[in-house]
Amino acid sequence: MTPETALTEIARGLQMALLLGAPLLLAVLVVGVVVGVLQAATQINEPTIAFVAKAVAMVATLALVGHFLLGRLVAFTTELYQRIPHLIG
């Protein structure tokens, strides 16, 4: 395996990690900002409210896009296993 091939595979893995994590992180970020603004406006500083809201947002996001994310992960893994002979030889 050449260094270029290794770097390409690492880049593909990092892109897949970004693709898999982005929807969850964006949902939690948006909910966190909204809850933070609401807590600042009402001066209610209860950390459990933000935690529960973020947890619900994460579960809802997983329910909506989980099938897509799992399909992409399975396709990536299958392609990686099929490329093993090329990577070794």
Protein backbone atom coordinates (compact mmCIF):
# COMPACT_ATOMS: atom_id res chain seq x y z
CA MET A 1 0.00 0.00 0.00
CA THR A 2 1.38 3.36 -1.00
CA PRO A 3 1.18 6.42 1.22
CA GLU A 4 -1.19 8.04 -1.26
CA THR A 5 -3.57 5.09 -1.03
CA ALA A 6 -3.45 5.18 2.76
CA LEU A 7 -4.17 8.90 2.81
CA THR A 8 -7.06 8.42 0.39
CA GLU A 9 -8.61 5.74 2.58
CA ILE A 10 -8.14 7.86 5.70
CA ALA A 11 -9.78 10.80 3.95
CA ARG A 12 -12.71 8.61 2.87
CA GLY A 13 -13.12 7.38 6.44
CA LEU A 14 -13.07 10.92 7.83
CA GLN A 15 -15.61 12.04 5.23
CA MET A 16 -17.87 9.17 6.23
CA ALA A 17 -17.52 10.07 9.90
CA LEU A 18 -18.43 13.66 9.07
CA LEU A 19 -21.43 12.54 7.04
CA LEU A 20 -22.65 10.28 9.83
CA GLY A 21 -22.15 12.78 12.63
CA ALA A 22 -23.27 15.99 10.93
CA PRO A 23 -27.07 15.54 11.14
CA LEU A 24 -26.96 14.71 14.84
CA LEU A 25 -24.54 17.49 15.67
CA LEU A 26 -26.51 20.07 13.71
CA ALA A 27 -29.79 19.09 15.37
CA VAL A 28 -28.27 19.27 18.84
CA LEU A 29 -26.57 22.57 18.00
CA VAL A 30 -29.80 24.19 16.80
CA VAL A 31 -31.79 22.94 19.78
CA GLY A 32 -29.03 24.04 22.17
CA VAL A 33 -29.00 27.56 20.75
CA VAL A 34 -32.80 27.85 20.84
CA VAL A 35 -33.02 26.55 24.39
CA GLY A 36 -30.14 28.80 25.44
CA VAL A 37 -31.87 31.86 24.01
CA LEU A 38 -35.14 30.93 25.67
CA GLN A 39 -33.42 30.31 28.99
CA ALA A 40 -31.61 33.64 28.75
CA ALA A 41 -34.85 35.44 27.91
CA THR A 42 -36.79 33.87 30.76
CA GLN A 43 -33.83 33.70 33.17
CA ILE A 44 -34.52 30.03 33.87
CA ASN A 45 -31.09 28.43 34.21
CA GLU A 46 -31.98 24.78 34.60
CA PRO A 47 -29.44 22.48 32.89
CA THR A 48 -31.83 19.53 32.73
CA ILE A 49 -34.13 21.42 30.35
CA ALA A 50 -31.32 21.81 27.82
CA PHE A 51 -30.22 18.21 28.28
CA VAL A 52 -33.69 16.75 27.77
CA ALA A 53 -34.35 18.96 24.75
CA LYS A 54 -31.05 17.93 23.16
CA ALA A 55 -31.69 14.25 23.89
CA VAL A 56 -35.15 14.43 22.32
CA ALA A 57 -33.71 16.22 19.28
CA MET A 58 -31.04 13.54 18.88
CA VAL A 59 -33.56 10.70 19.11
CA ALA A 60 -35.88 12.44 16.64
CA THR A 61 -33.02 13.03 14.22
CA LEU A 62 -31.93 9.41 14.47
CA ALA A 63 -35.50 8.31 13.83
CA LEU A 64 -35.70 10.50 10.74
CA VAL A 65 -32.31 9.93 9.12
CA GLY A 66 -31.08 6.77 10.83
CA HIS A 67 -32.04 4.53 7.93
CA PHE A 68 -30.14 6.73 5.48
CA LEU A 69 -27.07 6.90 7.73
CA LEU A 70 -27.04 3.15 8.31
CA GLY A 71 -27.36 2.51 4.57
CA ARG A 72 -24.42 4.79 3.84
CA LEU A 73 -22.32 3.11 6.53
CA VAL A 74 -23.11 -0.37 5.22
CA ALA A 75 -22.32 0.69 1.64
CA PHE A 76 -19.02 2.24 2.75
CA THR A 77 -18.04 -0.86 4.69
CA THR A 78 -18.96 -3.16 1.80
CA GLU A 79 -16.92 -1.07 -0.64
CA LEU A 80 -13.99 -1.04 1.76
CA TYR A 81 -14.05 -4.82 2.11
CA GLN A 82 -14.22 -5.18 -1.68
CA ARG A 83 -11.18 -2.91 -2.08
CA ILE A 84 -9.02 -4.91 0.33
CA PRO A 85 -7.33 -6.98 -2.42
CA HIS A 86 -6.50 -3.77 -4.29
CA LEU A 87 -5.17 -2.13 -1.14
CA ILE A 88 -2.94 -5.05 -0.20
CA GLY A 89 -1.67 -5.93 -3.66
